[in-house]
Amino acid sequence: MWRKLIGSAAICLVLVILAGCGTTQNFDDYAVNDGYEDTESGKSGSSKGVGIAKENIKVGVLHLTDPAEGNGYSYTHDLGIQGMQKNLRLSNDQIVRKINVNDTDDVAVEKAIQECVDEGCNVIFTTSWGYMDTTAKMAEKYPDIYFCHGTGYKSNGKNFTNYFGRIYQARYLSGIVAGMNTKTNKIGYVAAQGSSNSEVTGGIDAFAIGVASVNPDAVVYVKVTNSWYDPEAEAASSKALLDMGCDVMAQHCDTAYPQTMAQDAGVYGIGYNSDMGKETPDSCLCSVIWNWSAYYTSAVQSIIDGSWNGSNYYGGMQEGLVAVTNPADFCVDGTQKKVDEAKAKILSGSFNVFDGEMQTNTGEIIGKAGQTLDDATITGKINWYYKNVSLVE
């Protein structure tokens, strides 16, 4: 389960213009073709199996913040929208963005969705966790419009689906990098939510499992902000962890404070959502990134060609949805090799991160030998911390 989201995943991009209600960006280094060909077939209409002609597609997207103002969650999702637009050759007027839509304000969320409907959108992506219930309500009100909600768990199998990704795969790999490069064996992690949120907790655990695989002496210290987006709390949490002596800073939060403050302190960082090495080139060991265009392209293409079947989406490294950037040149020798070896096992299916028996930080045993946790457990029932995780009050 997710958040005010995520994050996917950018590689070296420049914001170009801010126009209308959204941003237009240079996507050349980020967009992927994903194997989809343009299609002109299909008549207008949103019934499953009919399809909508490409020129009649209009995409609405709700963003938690302004993508033009950072490199975090909304920024990365908008890169995905840009990639989809480029892959499918949609015009700028076929994209409608609603920015700074507070996902704790149901009235504001409904207003933004209604504006997308009134402006002719026939597919609407709502990217943040808190948009879920209102999206479900509006999908029932407008059965001929496709609604796709990022992170949550609700859907109707028809015109309302949810989408997320196996970000824990990339989190695990980044944990290997952190574990190999810490000198104090104190690794900080700024988390948006506590153990009740399986998306955040599962990411922490995957990271911690990666750390332990190469450095059993390291401890992952977690400071929770209890907010998907709170710059002040994220800065304060980063400072608290740095003051404890953490020399690698990881994160599941929207701002880049854990990274920028780590660089200012002369220690390392593990970026999230997009490649944060652009902002912190002297300290970023690697970044866990999303390539949301892989999903957005496939979703809109299925609506165009009539193959939409109402299924939820849960992609990973195999689908190109999540990744980790290559370890920095200043990482210790052997870091890249360890990451490559682990990545190959994940891609082959011989390793799934949450495999076998796992000990929690309270001594409980989760999982069974020879088995791996199923998707339902990973997305909704990881409410425990791995043995090397320590919460910071």
Protein backbone atom coordinates (compact mmCIF):
# COMPACT_ATOMS: atom_id res chain seq x y z
CA MET A 1 0.00 0.00 0.00
CA TRP A 2 1.27 3.32 -0.71
CA ARG A 3 1.23 6.92 -0.25
CA LYS A 4 1.09 10.33 -1.25
CA LEU A 5 3.19 8.67 -3.26
CA ILE A 6 5.53 7.57 -4.51
CA GLY A 7 8.25 7.12 -5.65
CA SER A 8 9.40 6.25 -10.04
CA ALA A 9 11.97 7.24 -11.61
CA ALA A 10 13.92 9.73 -13.57
CA ILE A 11 17.33 9.86 -15.09
CA CYS A 12 18.85 13.27 -15.78
CA LEU A 13 15.95 15.52 -16.70
CA VAL A 14 15.37 19.24 -17.02
CA LEU A 15 12.15 21.06 -16.28
CA VAL A 16 11.39 23.28 -19.21
CA ILE A 17 8.16 25.19 -18.83
CA LEU A 18 5.28 25.56 -16.49
CA ALA A 19 2.10 26.06 -18.48
CA GLY A 20 -1.58 26.01 -17.71
CA CYS A 21 -2.23 23.75 -14.74
CA GLY A 22 0.88 21.58 -15.09
CA THR A 23 4.42 21.23 -16.33
CA THR A 24 6.01 20.35 -19.61
CA GLN A 25 9.39 18.66 -19.33
CA ASN A 26 12.16 17.35 -21.52
CA PHE A 27 11.68 13.60 -21.37
CA ASP A 28 14.28 12.41 -23.88
CA ASP A 29 16.52 10.73 -21.30
CA TYR A 30 13.66 9.16 -19.37
CA ALA A 31 10.86 8.01 -21.64
CA VAL A 32 10.77 4.40 -22.69
CA ASN A 33 8.95 2.92 -25.65
CA ASP A 34 7.90 -0.17 -23.63
CA GLY A 35 7.16 -2.02 -26.87
CA TYR A 36 3.89 -0.22 -27.55
CA GLU A 37 3.01 0.81 -31.05
CA ASP A 38 0.73 3.70 -31.90
CA THR A 39 -2.78 2.62 -32.80
CA GLU A 40 -5.41 4.58 -34.62
CA SER A 41 -8.04 1.86 -34.46
CA GLY A 42 -11.03 1.87 -32.14
CA LYS A 43 -14.05 4.07 -31.87
CA SER A 44 -14.78 6.53 -29.14
CA GLY A 45 -16.27 4.91 -26.06
CA SER A 46 -15.11 3.46 -22.77
CA SER A 47 -16.75 0.04 -22.60
CA LYS A 48 -14.32 -2.82 -22.11
CA GLY A 49 -13.26 -4.29 -25.44
CA VAL A 50 -14.31 -1.27 -27.51
CA GLY A 51 -11.40 1.12 -27.21
CA ILE A 52 -11.11 4.86 -27.69
CA ALA A 53 -9.45 6.37 -30.75
CA LYS A 54 -6.13 7.92 -29.80
CA GLU A 55 -7.15 11.40 -30.91
CA ASN A 56 -10.13 11.21 -28.53
CA ILE A 57 -8.10 10.26 -25.47
CA LYS A 58 -7.84 12.90 -22.76
CA VAL A 59 -5.86 12.15 -19.63
CA GLY A 60 -6.39 13.80 -16.25
CA VAL A 61 -3.91 13.48 -13.39
CA LEU A 62 -4.06 14.67 -9.78
CA HIS A 63 -0.77 15.61 -8.10
CA LEU A 64 -0.19 16.10 -4.41
CA THR A 65 2.34 18.88 -4.99
CA ASP A 66 3.60 20.92 -7.94
CA PRO A 67 5.94 18.68 -10.00
CA ALA A 68 7.89 21.76 -11.07
CA GLU A 69 9.03 22.44 -7.51
CA GLY A 70 11.13 19.42 -6.73
CA ASN A 71 12.44 15.97 -7.45
CA GLY A 72 10.15 13.90 -5.27
CA TYR A 73 6.91 12.00 -5.59
CA SER A 74 4.76 14.24 -7.79
CA TYR A 75 7.77 15.15 -9.92
CA THR A 76 8.44 11.49 -10.65
CA HIS A 77 4.81 10.70 -11.44
CA ASP A 78 4.69 13.62 -13.83
CA LEU A 79 7.80 12.32 -15.56
CA GLY A 80 5.79 9.14 -16.09
CA ILE A 81 2.89 11.10 -17.58
CA GLN A 82 5.35 12.90 -19.83
CA GLY A 83 6.85 9.57 -20.92
CA MET A 84 3.41 8.14 -21.70
CA GLN A 85 2.55 11.25 -23.71
CA LYS A 86 5.73 10.92 -25.72
CA ASN A 87 5.43 7.16 -26.23
CA LEU A 88 1.84 7.44 -27.47
CA ARG A 89 2.36 10.76 -29.27
CA LEU A 90 -0.45 12.58 -27.49
CA SER A 91 -0.71 16.35 -27.81
CA ASN A 92 -0.31 18.73 -24.88
CA ASP A 93 -4.01 19.54 -24.87
CA GLN A 94 -4.76 15.85 -24.26
CA ILE A 95 -3.19 16.08 -20.78
CA VAL A 96 -4.92 17.87 -17.89
CA ARG A 97 -3.02 18.32 -14.62
CA LYS A 98 -4.41 19.31 -11.26
CA ILE A 99 -1.59 20.23 -8.89
CA ASN A 100 -1.33 20.84 -5.14
CA VAL A 101 -4.44 18.73 -4.48
CA ASN A 102 -4.43 18.04 -0.74
CA ASP A 103 -5.25 14.37 -0.28
CA THR A 104 -6.58 14.94 3.23
CA ASP A 105 -9.26 17.29 1.84
CA ASP A 106 -12.02 15.19 0.27
CA VAL A 107 -13.81 18.27 -1.01
CA ALA A 108 -10.70 19.48 -2.83
CA VAL A 109 -10.08 16.01 -4.28
CA GLU A 110 -13.64 15.69 -5.58
CA LYS A 111 -13.46 19.19 -7.05
CA ALA A 112 -10.23 18.36 -8.90
CA ILE A 113 -11.63 15.12 -10.29
CA GLN A 114 -14.86 16.83 -11.31
CA GLU A 115 -12.87 19.48 -13.16
CA CYS A 116 -11.06 16.72 -15.07
CA VAL A 117 -14.43 15.20 -15.99
CA ASP A 118 -15.85 18.57 -17.04
CA GLU A 119 -12.79 19.20 -19.20
CA GLY A 120 -13.46 15.98 -21.11
CA CYS A 121 -11.00 13.55 -19.52
CA ASN A 122 -11.91 9.92 -20.17
CA VAL A 123 -9.05 8.46 -18.11
CA ILE A 124 -8.03 9.93 -14.76
CA PHE A 125 -4.99 9.01 -12.66
CA THR A 126 -5.09 9.92 -8.97
CA THR A 127 -1.58 9.47 -7.65
CA SER A 128 -1.76 9.82 -3.87
CA TRP A 129 -2.93 7.40 -1.17
CA GLY A 130 -5.51 9.77 0.29
CA TYR A 131 -7.29 10.16 -3.05
CA MET A 132 -8.53 6.56 -2.88
CA ASP A 133 -12.02 6.84 -1.37
CA THR A 134 -13.01 9.87 -3.41
CA THR A 135 -11.72 8.20 -6.57
CA ALA A 136 -13.87 5.16 -5.80
CA LYS A 137 -16.90 7.42 -5.32
CA MET A 138 -16.34 9.28 -8.59
CA ALA A 139 -15.75 6.02 -10.50
CA GLU A 140 -19.18 4.87 -9.40
CA LYS A 141 -20.69 8.18 -10.47
CA TYR A 142 -19.02 8.06 -13.90
CA PRO A 143 -18.93 4.40 -15.05
CA ASP A 144 -17.86 5.35 -18.59
CA ILE A 145 -14.64 7.01 -17.41
CA TYR A 146 -11.51 5.05 -16.47
CA PHE A 147 -10.15 5.81 -12.99
CA CYS A 148 -6.74 4.55 -11.85
CA HIS A 149 -5.54 5.14 -8.29
CA GLY A 150 -1.87 5.00 -7.33
CA THR A 151 -0.89 3.03 -4.25
CA GLY A 152 -4.14 2.10 -2.54
CA TYR A 153 -6.01 -1.19 -2.50
CA LYS A 154 -9.57 -0.47 -3.68
CA SER A 155 -10.87 -1.29 -7.16
CA ASN A 156 -14.04 -2.56 -8.85
CA GLY A 157 -12.63 -4.69 -11.65
CA LYS A 158 -14.28 -2.46 -14.23
CA ASN A 159 -13.56 1.26 -14.55
CA PHE A 160 -11.65 1.66 -11.25
CA THR A 161 -8.26 0.02 -10.66
CA ASN A 162 -5.22 0.53 -8.47
CA TYR A 163 -1.55 0.49 -9.40
CA PHE A 164 1.74 0.22 -7.56
CA GLY A 165 5.07 -1.54 -7.90
CA ARG A 166 7.59 -3.86 -6.27
CA ILE A 167 9.71 -1.01 -5.00
CA TYR A 168 10.97 -3.33 -2.27
CA GLN A 169 13.15 -5.01 -4.91
CA ALA A 170 15.08 -1.80 -5.51
CA ARG A 171 15.03 -0.98 -1.78
CA TYR A 172 16.81 -4.26 -1.10
CA LEU A 173 19.54 -3.45 -3.61
CA SER A 174 20.02 0.01 -2.12
CA GLY A 175 20.36 -1.62 1.30
CA ILE A 176 23.34 -3.58 -0.02
CA VAL A 177 24.93 -0.29 -1.08
CA ALA A 178 24.25 1.32 2.30
CA GLY A 179 25.52 -1.66 4.27
CA MET A 180 28.76 -1.81 2.35
CA ASN A 181 29.51 1.90 2.62
CA THR A 182 28.64 2.83 6.20
CA LYS A 183 31.61 3.36 8.50
CA THR A 184 29.72 3.96 11.73
CA ASN A 185 27.26 1.10 11.17
CA LYS A 186 24.51 3.63 11.84
CA ILE A 187 22.15 4.11 8.90
CA GLY A 188 19.32 6.65 9.09
CA TYR A 189 15.92 6.30 7.43
CA VAL A 190 13.29 9.06 7.34
CA ALA A 191 9.87 7.39 7.00
CA ALA A 192 6.54 9.02 6.17
CA GLN A 193 4.42 6.52 8.11
CA GLY A 194 4.74 4.04 10.94
CA SER A 195 4.32 0.28 11.05
CA SER A 196 0.60 0.43 10.28
CA ASN A 197 1.45 1.30 6.67
CA SER A 198 2.78 -1.78 4.89
CA GLU A 199 4.13 0.14 1.92
CA VAL A 200 6.50 2.20 4.04
CA THR A 201 7.30 -0.58 6.51
CA GLY A 202 7.86 -3.14 3.77
CA GLY A 203 10.28 -0.76 2.09
CA ILE A 204 12.19 -0.28 5.33
CA ASP A 205 12.36 -4.03 5.91
CA ALA A 206 13.54 -4.78 2.38
CA PHE A 207 16.23 -2.12 2.78
CA ALA A 208 17.22 -3.54 6.17
CA ILE A 209 17.39 -7.09 4.78
CA GLY A 210 19.73 -5.80 2.09
CA VAL A 211 21.88 -4.06 4.68
CA ALA A 212 22.11 -7.22 6.83
CA SER A 213 23.04 -9.37 3.84
CA VAL A 214 26.40 -7.60 3.59
CA ASN A 215 26.83 -6.04 7.05
CA PRO A 216 25.20 -7.85 9.99
CA ASP A 217 26.60 -5.27 12.43
CA ALA A 218 24.80 -2.27 10.93
CA VAL A 219 21.60 -0.86 12.44
CA VAL A 220 18.88 1.00 10.50
CA TYR A 221 17.54 3.84 12.64
CA VAL A 222 14.04 4.91 11.56
CA LYS A 223 12.48 8.27 12.33
CA VAL A 224 8.77 8.57 11.40
CA THR A 225 7.21 11.90 10.40
CA ASN A 226 3.59 10.63 10.27
CA SER A 227 2.99 12.65 7.13
CA TRP A 228 3.45 11.97 3.44
CA TYR A 229 4.64 15.51 2.88
CA ASP A 230 5.95 17.66 5.72
CA PRO A 231 9.16 19.53 4.88
CA GLU A 232 9.66 20.78 8.43
CA ALA A 233 9.27 17.32 9.97
CA GLU A 234 11.47 15.73 7.32
CA ALA A 235 14.25 18.24 7.98
CA ALA A 236 13.96 17.78 11.75
CA SER A 237 13.99 13.98 11.43
CA SER A 238 17.06 14.14 9.20
CA LYS A 239 18.88 16.32 11.72
CA ALA A 240 18.02 13.97 14.58
CA LEU A 241 19.42 10.97 12.72
CA LEU A 242 22.55 12.81 11.64
CA ASP A 243 23.11 14.00 15.20
CA MET A 244 23.05 10.33 16.26
CA GLY A 245 26.02 9.64 14.00
CA CYS A 246 24.24 8.08 11.04
CA ASP A 247 26.59 8.26 8.07
CA VAL A 248 24.17 6.98 5.40
CA MET A 249 20.72 8.55 5.05
CA ALA A 250 17.85 6.78 3.29
CA GLN A 251 14.26 7.91 2.97
CA HIS A 252 10.61 7.34 2.16
CA CYS A 253 9.51 10.97 2.18
CA ASP A 254 8.92 13.65 -0.44
CA THR A 255 11.58 16.27 0.12
CA ALA A 256 15.29 15.86 -0.51
CA TYR A 257 16.25 16.98 3.01
CA PRO A 258 17.73 13.60 4.02
CA GLN A 259 20.01 13.86 0.99
CA THR A 260 20.93 17.54 1.06
CA MET A 261 21.52 17.53 4.80
CA ALA A 262 23.64 14.39 4.50
CA GLN A 263 25.82 16.08 1.90
CA ASP A 264 26.11 19.19 4.06
CA ALA A 265 27.21 16.97 6.95
CA GLY A 266 29.80 15.20 4.83
CA VAL A 267 28.11 11.79 4.89
CA TYR A 268 26.28 9.62 2.38
CA GLY A 269 22.70 9.37 1.12
CA ILE A 270 20.41 6.90 -0.67
CA GLY A 271 17.95 8.85 -2.85
CA TYR A 272 14.33 8.00 -3.56
CA ASN A 273 11.77 8.59 -6.33
CA SER A 274 14.18 10.13 -8.85
CA ASP A 275 17.95 10.20 -9.23
CA MET A 276 18.97 12.50 -6.38
CA GLY A 277 22.60 12.34 -7.44
CA LYS A 278 21.82 15.43 -9.50
CA GLU A 279 21.24 17.49 -6.34
CA THR A 280 23.81 15.75 -4.13
CA PRO A 281 26.60 14.54 -6.42
CA ASP A 282 29.18 14.37 -3.64
CA SER A 283 27.17 12.13 -1.31
CA CYS A 284 24.52 10.13 -3.19
CA LEU A 285 25.57 6.48 -3.19
CA CYS A 286 22.61 5.51 -5.40
CA SER A 287 18.89 6.22 -5.75
CA VAL A 288 15.82 4.00 -5.68
CA ILE A 289 13.79 5.18 -8.66
CA TRP A 290 10.43 4.79 -10.35
CA ASN A 291 9.78 4.71 -14.09
CA TRP A 292 6.05 5.39 -14.01
CA SER A 293 5.89 5.75 -17.78
CA ALA A 294 6.06 1.94 -17.97
CA TYR A 295 2.67 1.77 -16.27
CA TYR A 296 1.04 4.91 -17.68
CA THR A 297 1.93 3.90 -21.23
CA SER A 298 0.51 0.41 -20.85
CA ALA A 299 -2.67 1.64 -19.15
CA VAL A 300 -3.56 4.27 -21.73
CA GLN A 301 -2.56 1.98 -24.60
CA SER A 302 -4.96 -0.67 -23.30
CA ILE A 303 -7.76 1.90 -23.33
CA ILE A 304 -6.91 2.91 -26.88
CA ASP A 305 -6.78 -0.62 -28.28
CA GLY A 306 -9.69 -1.97 -26.24
CA SER A 307 -7.68 -4.50 -24.22
CA TRP A 308 -8.46 -2.90 -20.85
CA ASN A 309 -9.74 -5.64 -18.51
CA GLY A 310 -10.06 -3.87 -15.17
CA SER A 311 -7.05 -5.60 -13.62
CA ASN A 312 -4.91 -4.00 -10.96
CA TYR A 313 -1.22 -3.40 -11.73
CA TYR A 314 1.76 -4.45 -9.62
CA GLY A 315 4.94 -4.24 -11.67
CA GLY A 316 8.57 -4.48 -10.70
CA MET A 317 12.07 -4.67 -12.06
CA GLN A 318 11.02 -7.14 -14.74
CA GLU A 319 8.55 -4.60 -16.15
CA GLY A 320 11.00 -1.71 -15.88
CA LEU A 321 8.80 0.08 -13.34
CA VAL A 322 11.36 0.21 -10.51
CA ALA A 323 15.15 0.31 -10.49
CA VAL A 324 18.20 1.46 -8.59
CA THR A 325 20.80 3.71 -10.16
CA ASN A 326 24.36 2.43 -10.44
CA PRO A 327 26.42 2.92 -7.28
CA ALA A 328 28.54 6.07 -7.33
CA ASP A 329 32.19 5.90 -8.30
CA PHE A 330 33.18 6.71 -4.73
CA CYS A 331 31.49 3.60 -3.31
CA VAL A 332 33.82 0.98 -1.82
CA ASP A 333 35.25 -1.61 -4.18
CA GLY A 334 32.92 -4.47 -4.91
CA THR A 335 29.68 -2.53 -4.40
CA GLN A 336 28.59 -2.70 -8.03
CA LYS A 337 29.40 -6.41 -8.21
CA LYS A 338 27.29 -7.21 -5.14
CA VAL A 339 24.36 -5.22 -6.52
CA ASP A 340 24.62 -6.88 -9.92
CA GLU A 341 24.67 -10.36 -8.36
CA ALA A 342 21.60 -9.65 -6.24
CA LYS A 343 19.77 -8.00 -9.13
CA ALA A 344 20.35 -11.05 -11.33
CA LYS A 345 18.81 -13.31 -8.67
CA ILE A 346 15.74 -11.08 -8.38
CA LEU A 347 15.27 -10.96 -12.14
CA SER A 348 15.67 -14.73 -12.45
CA GLY A 349 13.07 -15.32 -9.75
CA SER A 350 15.48 -17.29 -7.56
CA PHE A 351 15.32 -14.61 -4.86
CA ASN A 352 12.31 -12.55 -3.83
CA VAL A 353 13.61 -10.47 -0.88
CA PHE A 354 10.98 -11.66 1.63
CA ASP A 355 12.10 -15.29 1.50
CA GLY A 356 12.24 -17.91 4.22
CA GLU A 357 12.14 -17.21 7.95
CA MET A 358 12.74 -13.59 8.95
CA GLN A 359 13.28 -12.39 12.49
CA THR A 360 11.64 -9.15 13.58
CA ASN A 361 13.16 -6.61 15.97
CA THR A 362 10.90 -8.00 18.69
CA GLY A 363 12.13 -11.57 18.22
CA GLU A 364 9.17 -12.96 16.29
CA ILE A 365 9.66 -15.19 13.25
CA ILE A 366 7.86 -14.21 10.05
CA GLY A 367 7.59 -16.49 7.04
CA LYS A 368 8.48 -20.14 6.52
CA ALA A 369 11.57 -21.90 5.22
CA GLY A 370 11.40 -22.51 1.49
CA GLN A 371 8.56 -20.03 1.00
CA THR A 372 8.23 -16.35 0.14
CA LEU A 373 5.62 -13.85 1.28
CA ASP A 374 2.75 -13.45 -1.18
CA ASP A 375 1.73 -10.14 -2.71
CA ALA A 376 -1.28 -9.68 -0.42
CA THR A 377 1.00 -9.94 2.62
CA ILE A 378 3.68 -7.69 1.15
CA THR A 379 1.22 -4.96 0.21
CA GLY A 380 -1.03 -5.11 3.26
CA LYS A 381 0.36 -7.10 6.17
CA ILE A 382 3.96 -6.08 6.75
CA ASN A 383 3.42 -4.33 10.06
CA TRP A 384 6.67 -5.46 11.66
CA TYR A 385 10.30 -4.33 11.46
CA TYR A 386 13.25 -6.51 10.54
CA LYS A 387 15.70 -7.46 13.27
CA ASN A 388 18.26 -4.73 12.55
CA VAL A 389 15.72 -1.87 12.59
CA SER A 390 15.51 0.51 15.57
CA LEU A 391 12.79 3.15 15.91
CA VAL A 392 13.86 6.61 17.05
CA GLU A 393 11.31 8.57 19.09
